[in-house]
Protein backbone atom coordinates (compact mmCIF):
# COMPACT_ATOMS: atom_id res chain seq x y z
CA MET A 1 -2.36 -191.85 139.91
CA THR A 2 -1.59 -190.65 143.08
CA ALA A 3 1.54 -188.13 143.92
CA GLU A 4 3.54 -191.20 145.20
CA ASN A 5 2.58 -193.73 141.73
CA PHE A 6 3.66 -190.36 140.10
CA ALA A 7 7.35 -190.19 141.62
CA LYS A 8 7.92 -194.16 141.11
CA GLU A 9 6.25 -193.94 137.64
CA LEU A 10 9.35 -191.24 137.00
CA GLU A 11 11.74 -193.51 137.82
CA ALA A 12 10.83 -196.05 135.68
CA ALA A 13 10.34 -193.70 132.70
CA ALA A 14 13.79 -192.50 133.18
CA GLN A 15 14.59 -195.52 131.67
CA ALA A 16 12.05 -195.64 128.81
CA GLY A 17 12.17 -194.31 125.19
CA ASP A 18 9.83 -194.64 122.42
CA PRO A 19 10.13 -197.77 120.77
CA PRO A 20 8.35 -197.39 117.42
CA ALA A 21 9.97 -193.82 116.54
CA ASP A 22 13.69 -194.80 117.88
CA LYS A 23 13.29 -198.29 115.09
CA LEU A 24 11.67 -195.90 112.29
CA VAL A 25 14.36 -193.12 113.04
CA SER A 26 17.71 -195.08 113.82
CA VAL A 27 17.20 -197.17 109.94
CA MET A 28 16.97 -193.53 108.40
CA ILE A 29 19.94 -192.20 110.42
CA ASP A 30 21.74 -195.47 108.93
CA GLN A 31 20.21 -195.22 105.18
CA GLY A 32 21.20 -191.49 105.26
CA GLU A 33 17.32 -190.24 105.18
CA VAL A 34 16.73 -187.37 107.53
CA PRO A 35 17.69 -184.59 105.22
CA GLY A 36 15.27 -185.72 102.56
CA VAL A 37 12.45 -186.50 105.39
CA ASN A 38 13.18 -183.38 107.23
CA GLU A 39 12.47 -181.50 103.44
CA LEU A 40 9.19 -183.54 103.39
CA PHE A 41 7.98 -182.41 106.72
CA ARG A 42 7.77 -179.25 105.18
CA THR A 43 4.91 -180.57 103.37
CA VAL A 44 3.03 -182.37 106.00
CA ASN A 45 1.10 -179.79 107.81
CA THR A 46 -1.45 -181.77 109.01
CA LEU A 47 -2.56 -185.61 110.65
CA LYS A 48 -6.01 -187.38 109.94
CA PRO A 49 -7.48 -190.39 108.46
CA GLY A 50 -7.27 -190.52 104.86
CA MET A 51 -4.18 -188.08 104.75
CA ASP A 52 -2.11 -189.09 101.33
CA TYR A 53 1.27 -190.14 102.41
CA SER A 54 2.70 -191.47 99.19
CA GLN A 55 5.34 -188.89 99.20
CA LEU A 56 6.97 -190.24 102.33
CA PRO A 57 9.23 -193.25 102.17
CA PRO A 58 6.67 -196.51 103.11
CA ARG A 59 7.92 -197.28 106.54
CA LEU A 60 7.59 -193.33 107.65
CA ALA A 61 4.08 -193.28 106.16
CA ASP A 62 2.70 -196.09 108.14
CA PHE A 63 4.39 -194.39 111.29
CA MET A 64 2.39 -191.87 110.31
CA ARG A 65 -1.09 -193.58 109.91
CA GLU A 66 -0.58 -195.36 113.32
CA ALA A 67 0.36 -191.84 114.77
CA GLU A 68 -3.35 -190.77 113.81
CA VAL A 69 -5.27 -192.42 116.55
CA ASP A 70 -6.66 -190.12 119.36
CA PRO A 71 -5.42 -190.30 122.82
CA PRO A 72 -7.58 -192.85 124.84
CA GLY A 73 -10.95 -191.54 126.56
CA TRP A 74 -10.53 -188.33 124.43
CA THR A 75 -13.74 -186.38 123.85
CA GLU A 76 -15.30 -183.24 122.14
CA ALA A 77 -15.66 -181.94 125.83
CA ASP A 78 -11.88 -182.20 126.26
CA THR A 79 -11.39 -180.43 122.90
CA LYS A 80 -14.14 -177.77 124.44
CA ALA A 81 -11.87 -177.11 127.46
CA ALA A 82 -8.79 -176.84 125.73
CA GLU A 83 -10.16 -174.61 123.10
CA GLY A 84 -11.45 -172.11 125.92
CA PHE A 85 -8.08 -171.66 127.65
CA PHE A 86 -6.75 -170.57 124.24
CA ALA A 87 -9.56 -168.22 123.58
CA HIS A 88 -8.80 -166.33 126.82
CA HIS A 89 -5.09 -166.46 127.17
CA HIS A 90 -3.14 -167.63 124.21
CA GLY A 91 -1.02 -165.11 123.67
CA VAL A 92 0.49 -164.59 127.19
CA ALA A 93 0.74 -168.62 127.52
CA SER A 94 2.28 -168.95 124.16
CA MET A 95 4.99 -166.25 125.46
CA LEU A 96 5.47 -168.02 128.97
CA GLN A 97 6.08 -171.02 127.23
CA GLY A 98 8.47 -169.82 124.95
CA THR A 99 10.55 -167.66 127.58
CA VAL A 100 9.88 -169.05 131.18
CA GLY A 101 8.95 -172.42 130.16
CA LEU A 102 12.19 -173.23 128.05
CA ILE A 103 14.25 -171.90 131.18
CA GLY A 104 12.62 -173.97 133.33
CA THR A 105 13.71 -177.10 131.28
CA TYR A 106 17.02 -176.18 131.71
CA LEU A 107 16.68 -176.74 135.57
CA SER A 108 16.34 -180.43 134.64
CA PRO A 109 20.04 -181.49 135.03
CA THR A 110 19.75 -184.31 132.25
CA GLY A 111 17.61 -181.97 130.19
CA ALA A 112 19.86 -179.59 130.18
CA TYR A 113 23.04 -181.72 129.38
CA THR A 114 21.04 -183.60 126.70
CA LEU A 115 20.72 -180.23 125.00
CA ARG A 116 23.94 -178.86 125.36
CA SER A 117 25.29 -181.73 123.90
CA THR A 118 23.37 -182.07 121.28
CA GLY A 119 25.00 -179.65 118.97
CA ARG A 120 22.35 -177.66 116.99
CA LEU A 121 20.05 -177.40 120.17
CA GLY A 122 22.99 -176.58 122.61
CA GLY A 123 25.59 -174.73 120.92
CA VAL A 124 25.90 -171.39 119.22
CA GLU A 125 22.88 -171.85 117.26
CA GLY A 126 20.95 -173.25 120.07
CA PRO A 127 18.88 -170.58 121.44
CA GLY A 128 17.62 -168.79 118.32
CA ARG A 129 16.67 -172.30 116.52
CA ARG A 130 15.02 -174.09 119.80
CA LEU A 131 12.92 -171.18 120.42
CA SER A 132 12.01 -170.71 116.57
CA GLN A 133 10.97 -174.42 116.44
CA SER A 134 9.33 -174.51 119.80
CA THR A 135 7.08 -171.37 118.59
CA ARG A 136 5.32 -173.98 116.39
CA LEU A 137 4.20 -175.56 118.84
CA PHE A 138 3.36 -173.33 121.69
CA GLN A 139 1.77 -171.21 118.94
CA GLY A 140 0.10 -173.87 117.31
CA MET A 141 -1.72 -175.14 120.30
CA GLY A 142 -4.16 -172.37 120.57
CA ASP A 143 -4.57 -171.90 116.57
CA LYS A 144 -8.23 -172.20 115.76
CA GLY A 145 -9.46 -176.01 114.80
CA ALA A 146 -6.03 -177.01 115.64
CA MET A 147 -6.88 -179.86 117.83
CA ARG A 148 -9.68 -180.55 114.95
CA ASP A 149 -7.75 -180.59 111.87
CA GLY A 150 -4.60 -182.52 112.53
CA THR A 151 -2.21 -179.72 112.35
CA LEU A 152 -1.46 -179.93 115.83
CA LYS A 153 -0.90 -183.76 115.77
CA ALA A 154 1.53 -183.33 112.89
CA THR A 155 3.49 -180.83 114.73
CA VAL A 156 3.83 -182.77 118.03
CA THR A 157 4.57 -186.56 115.67
CA LYS A 158 7.34 -183.93 114.13
CA VAL A 159 8.98 -183.17 117.73
CA ARG A 160 8.36 -186.94 118.70
CA LEU A 161 10.75 -187.75 115.83
CA VAL A 162 13.36 -185.22 116.71
CA HIS A 163 13.12 -186.33 120.34
CA ALA A 164 13.97 -189.89 118.83
CA SER A 165 16.70 -188.50 116.33
CA VAL A 166 18.48 -187.28 119.55
CA ARG A 167 18.37 -190.40 121.37
CA GLN A 168 19.37 -192.42 118.22
CA LEU A 169 22.53 -190.39 117.61
CA HIS A 170 23.25 -190.66 121.23
CA GLU A 171 23.16 -194.25 121.31
CA LYS A 172 25.33 -194.04 117.76
CA SER A 173 28.04 -192.15 119.34
CA GLY A 174 29.07 -194.46 122.07
CA GLU A 175 29.80 -191.81 124.02
CA TRP A 176 26.04 -191.41 126.56
CA ASP A 177 26.59 -192.60 129.93
CA TYR A 178 23.06 -194.55 130.47
CA LYS A 179 24.35 -195.27 134.05
CA LYS A 180 24.70 -191.63 135.04
CA TRP A 181 21.64 -190.08 132.79
CA GLY A 182 19.19 -192.59 132.10
CA THR A 183 18.05 -192.37 128.14
CA PRO A 184 18.53 -189.58 126.54
CA VAL A 185 15.24 -187.43 126.15
CA SER A 186 13.27 -190.23 128.07
CA GLN A 187 9.76 -190.42 129.21
CA LYS A 188 10.81 -189.28 132.17
CA TYR A 189 12.15 -185.79 130.58
CA THR A 190 8.94 -185.73 128.03
CA THR A 191 6.72 -185.97 130.85
CA GLY A 192 8.46 -183.54 133.08
CA ALA A 193 8.95 -181.36 129.90
CA ALA A 194 5.00 -181.35 129.82
CA CYS A 195 4.42 -180.50 133.97
CA VAL A 196 6.86 -177.57 133.21
CA PHE A 197 4.60 -176.13 130.28
CA SER A 198 1.05 -177.05 131.91
CA VAL A 199 1.13 -176.55 135.51
CA GLN A 200 4.36 -174.59 136.19
CA ILE A 201 2.97 -171.93 133.19
CA LEU A 202 0.00 -171.95 135.43
CA GLN A 203 1.89 -170.68 138.68
CA ALA A 204 3.85 -168.28 136.73
CA MET A 205 0.51 -167.06 135.38
CA ARG A 206 -0.37 -166.93 138.85
CA ASN A 207 2.72 -165.23 139.96
CA LEU A 208 2.19 -162.42 137.53
CA GLY A 209 -1.01 -161.84 138.72
CA ILE A 210 -2.97 -163.30 135.84
CA ASP A 211 -6.63 -164.90 136.58
CA VAL A 212 -7.25 -168.29 134.98
CA SER A 213 -10.44 -169.62 136.13
CA LYS A 214 -10.62 -173.28 137.12
CA SER A 215 -12.46 -174.04 133.83
CA ASP A 216 -9.31 -172.65 131.85
CA ALA A 217 -6.69 -174.12 134.18
CA HIS A 218 -8.56 -177.45 133.44
CA GLY A 219 -8.77 -177.02 129.72
CA PHE A 220 -4.53 -175.93 129.68
CA MET A 221 -4.31 -179.33 131.13
CA CYS A 222 -6.57 -181.35 128.36
CA ALA A 223 -4.15 -179.41 125.65
CA TRP A 224 -0.84 -180.48 127.21
CA HIS A 225 -2.34 -184.34 128.04
CA TYR A 226 -3.40 -184.36 124.40
CA VAL A 227 0.27 -183.12 123.39
CA ASN A 228 2.06 -185.70 125.93
CA HIS A 229 0.09 -188.64 123.90
CA TYR A 230 1.08 -187.53 120.58
CA LEU A 231 5.11 -187.27 121.97
CA GLY A 232 4.70 -190.64 121.88
CA THR A 233 4.49 -191.28 125.49
CA PRO A 234 2.97 -194.76 126.93
CA GLU A 235 -0.82 -194.24 128.73
CA ARG A 236 1.00 -195.31 131.87
CA PHE A 237 3.19 -192.30 132.01
CA GLN A 238 0.83 -189.60 130.42
CA LEU A 239 -0.17 -186.86 132.26
CA PRO A 240 -4.07 -187.06 133.44
CA LYS A 241 -6.44 -184.21 132.55
CA ASP A 242 -6.76 -183.62 136.30
CA VAL A 243 -4.98 -179.97 136.71
CA ASP A 244 -5.18 -180.40 140.29
CA LEU A 245 -3.25 -183.53 140.54
CA VAL A 246 -1.04 -182.49 138.11
CA ASP A 247 -0.16 -179.59 140.46
CA ARG A 248 0.26 -181.69 143.14
CA MET A 249 2.33 -184.01 141.83
CA TRP A 250 4.89 -181.63 139.67
CA SER A 251 5.07 -179.80 143.28
CA ARG A 252 6.24 -182.57 145.19
CA GLU A 253 8.59 -183.80 142.45
CA ARG A 254 10.03 -180.69 141.19
CA ASP A 255 12.43 -179.90 144.28
CA GLU A 256 13.65 -183.41 143.26
CA GLU A 257 14.04 -182.90 139.60
CA TRP A 258 15.24 -179.40 139.33
CA LYS A 259 18.71 -178.46 140.34
CA LYS A 260 21.53 -176.13 139.64
CA THR A 261 23.68 -177.21 137.27
CA ASP A 262 26.72 -175.81 134.92
CA ASP A 263 24.81 -176.94 131.74
CA GLY A 264 21.44 -175.42 133.00
CA VAL A 265 23.59 -171.88 133.51
CA PHE A 266 25.18 -172.30 130.42
CA MET A 267 21.57 -172.59 128.54
CA THR A 268 19.81 -169.89 130.58
CA GLU A 269 23.10 -167.50 129.67
CA GLN A 270 22.79 -168.41 126.27
CA ALA A 271 18.80 -168.00 126.04
CA VAL A 272 19.04 -164.75 128.08
CA THR A 273 21.64 -163.00 125.68
CA TYR A 274 19.51 -164.30 122.61
CA TYR A 275 16.43 -162.39 124.04
CA LYS A 276 18.60 -159.13 124.61
CA GLY A 277 19.81 -159.15 121.36
CA LEU A 278 16.14 -159.79 120.07
CA VAL A 279 15.27 -156.22 121.27
CA GLY A 280 18.61 -154.37 121.14
CA ASN A 281 19.41 -154.92 124.54
CA VAL A 282 17.14 -151.36 125.47
CA PRO A 283 18.11 -151.35 129.17
CA GLY A 284 14.28 -150.56 130.15
CA VAL A 285 12.98 -153.27 128.56
CA THR A 286 14.70 -155.78 129.24
CA ASP A 287 15.10 -155.37 132.86
CA MET A 288 11.89 -155.63 132.61
CA PHE A 289 11.47 -158.64 131.06
CA ILE A 290 14.33 -160.28 133.25
CA ALA A 291 12.43 -158.73 136.22
CA MET A 292 9.28 -160.61 134.80
CA VAL A 293 10.96 -163.81 134.06
CA ARG A 294 11.89 -163.58 137.66
CA GLN A 295 8.83 -163.45 139.31
CA ALA A 296 6.71 -165.94 137.34
CA LEU A 297 9.86 -168.65 137.89
CA THR A 298 10.11 -167.22 141.77
CA ASP A 299 13.40 -166.14 142.81
CA LYS A 300 14.09 -169.37 144.26
CA TYR A 301 14.24 -170.92 140.78
CA ALA A 302 15.39 -167.89 138.62
CA ASP A 303 18.52 -167.82 140.81
CA MET A 304 18.95 -172.01 140.48
CA ALA A 305 18.44 -171.06 136.84
CA GLY A 306 21.20 -168.47 136.90
CA VAL A 307 18.78 -165.84 135.55
CA PRO A 308 20.33 -162.50 136.55
CA ARG A 309 18.82 -159.98 138.62
CA SER A 310 18.06 -156.92 136.84
CA PRO A 311 18.44 -153.12 138.33
CA ILE A 312 14.02 -153.37 138.31
CA ASP A 313 13.81 -155.82 141.02
CA MET A 314 16.49 -155.10 143.34
CA GLY A 315 15.10 -151.73 143.54
CA ALA A 316 11.46 -153.05 143.70
CA LYS A 317 12.38 -155.10 146.67
CA LEU A 318 13.05 -152.24 148.35
CA ALA A 319 9.79 -150.31 147.74
CA ALA A 320 8.04 -153.22 148.21
CA ALA A 321 8.26 -153.46 151.72
CA GLY A 322 5.84 -150.67 152.04
CA ASN A 323 3.72 -151.29 149.28
CA THR A 324 1.09 -154.01 148.67
CA ALA A 325 -1.41 -152.09 146.59
CA PHE A 326 -0.29 -154.66 143.12
CA GLY A 327 -1.11 -158.43 143.26
CA GLY A 328 1.52 -160.68 141.41
CA ILE A 329 4.43 -158.92 139.88
CA GLY A 330 2.95 -155.99 141.31
CA GLY A 331 4.16 -156.80 144.48
CA MET A 332 7.52 -157.43 143.73
CA LEU A 333 7.63 -154.26 141.27
CA GLY A 334 5.50 -152.25 143.55
CA GLY A 335 5.49 -148.40 143.21
CA ALA A 336 9.03 -148.22 142.13
CA ALA A 337 7.48 -149.58 138.76
CA LYS A 338 4.58 -147.96 138.54
CA GLN A 339 5.87 -144.36 139.32
CA VAL A 340 8.74 -144.82 136.47
CA THR A 341 6.16 -146.07 133.82
CA GLY A 342 2.89 -144.62 134.59
CA VAL A 343 1.42 -148.13 133.75
CA ASP A 344 0.41 -151.29 135.75
CA PRO A 345 3.62 -153.06 136.30
CA ARG A 346 2.02 -156.24 135.49
CA GLU A 347 1.30 -154.43 132.06
CA GLU A 348 4.64 -153.78 131.64
CA ALA A 349 6.36 -156.31 132.40
CA ILE A 350 4.09 -158.99 130.08
CA GLY A 351 4.37 -156.30 127.61
CA ALA A 352 8.26 -156.69 127.82
CA GLY A 353 7.96 -160.27 127.54
CA SER A 354 5.47 -160.10 124.98
CA LYS A 355 7.63 -158.34 122.91
CA VAL A 356 11.06 -160.55 123.09
CA PHE A 357 8.36 -163.34 122.12
CA ASN A 358 7.29 -161.76 118.96
CA LYS A 359 10.84 -160.81 117.77
CA VAL A 360 11.51 -164.43 117.95
CA LEU A 361 8.86 -164.99 115.74
CA GLU A 362 10.07 -162.24 113.37
CA ASP A 363 13.39 -163.54 113.42
CA ALA A 364 12.25 -166.91 112.81
CA VAL A 365 10.60 -165.52 109.62
CA THR A 366 13.27 -163.03 108.44
CA HIS A 367 16.52 -164.84 109.04
CA ASP A 368 15.33 -168.18 107.43
CA LYS A 369 15.35 -170.38 111.02
CA ASP A 370 13.33 -173.46 110.12
CA LYS A 371 10.40 -173.40 112.65
CA GLN A 372 9.32 -176.77 111.41
CA PRO A 373 10.87 -179.58 114.11
CA GLN A 374 13.70 -181.17 112.44
CA MET A 375 15.62 -184.55 112.84
CA HIS A 376 19.32 -184.54 113.67
CA GLN A 377 21.40 -186.26 111.62
CA GLU A 378 24.67 -185.51 113.31
CA LEU A 379 26.34 -184.51 116.79
CA ARG A 380 27.88 -181.36 117.27
CA ASP A 381 29.92 -180.41 120.51
CA GLY A 382 27.94 -177.83 121.91
CA ARG A 383 29.68 -177.39 125.17
């Protein structure tokens, strides 16, 4: 696949859903089965040949069996490469996916509109619910044995059915503008999100001065190729394992795909408010967190998403003009942050982001937010 072919495939992907999942979920919605299936989801924690699905409705059991199949051409070397990345970068990658990555998805106009108009993900409950459920995927990708014991397959397959529920509810509402927006949660959106959570995160790590070896970067791309498959993406739209190729394709398409919109800014504002609430809106921590997000995204895209400017990064730009001692985030925070904190500003900023992310995990557990992906049974106006 070339960058030019990728662009053409993305346009076709904008109209493509996931027929097997869509058909299944449409029937479940019509027959009022979604609440019961969501309860059963909590008992399905692995997906592998020979699993007992007798507790599931027969058509869902058949779907899960068909979803067990490995990605075409998947090898032991691919699994080992993915495990190598997470052995070195699991914590930071999960944190960046759950913060910078999620904010990046709001830069897709269709994605932001879909999330905002799909009640529980885009409304008042949105950031907490989306983050708590997303952490299960981001954390689970790097769990020991996740690509061997079927646990990652199970989590991603549930996300696949969540996507189908969003598509079907919008279709049944009769209010979705297919001419303007294409298919809700289309294969284009799914593939674009996979780019954001893979090569965009690798770029964010470089922007923060985090060294990722070529073999580890390849392993992360393998992991997202694996996830892309279990999200129900047809082979023609799936991201290849070649990280350099995907990086070139995404860098070429990003400026066509990412735009500033009212929906995107609204979603970002909600997310940032939620992040601040988790850490008690402590100025030193929240300012450093915002500085980290801006450095990871770059000012261009941070401004596009509506990420606020913190006092730290404003003052640091002045200091950075005469300070080149630090790479990555140190270039932005420069000596100013070093003098204030007495530690490497990269570590301080990444620590702030990790504190937010850990609070998301804690909040999900202590406030009864369900970390399991859950299908929707209704749309609520989140606007």
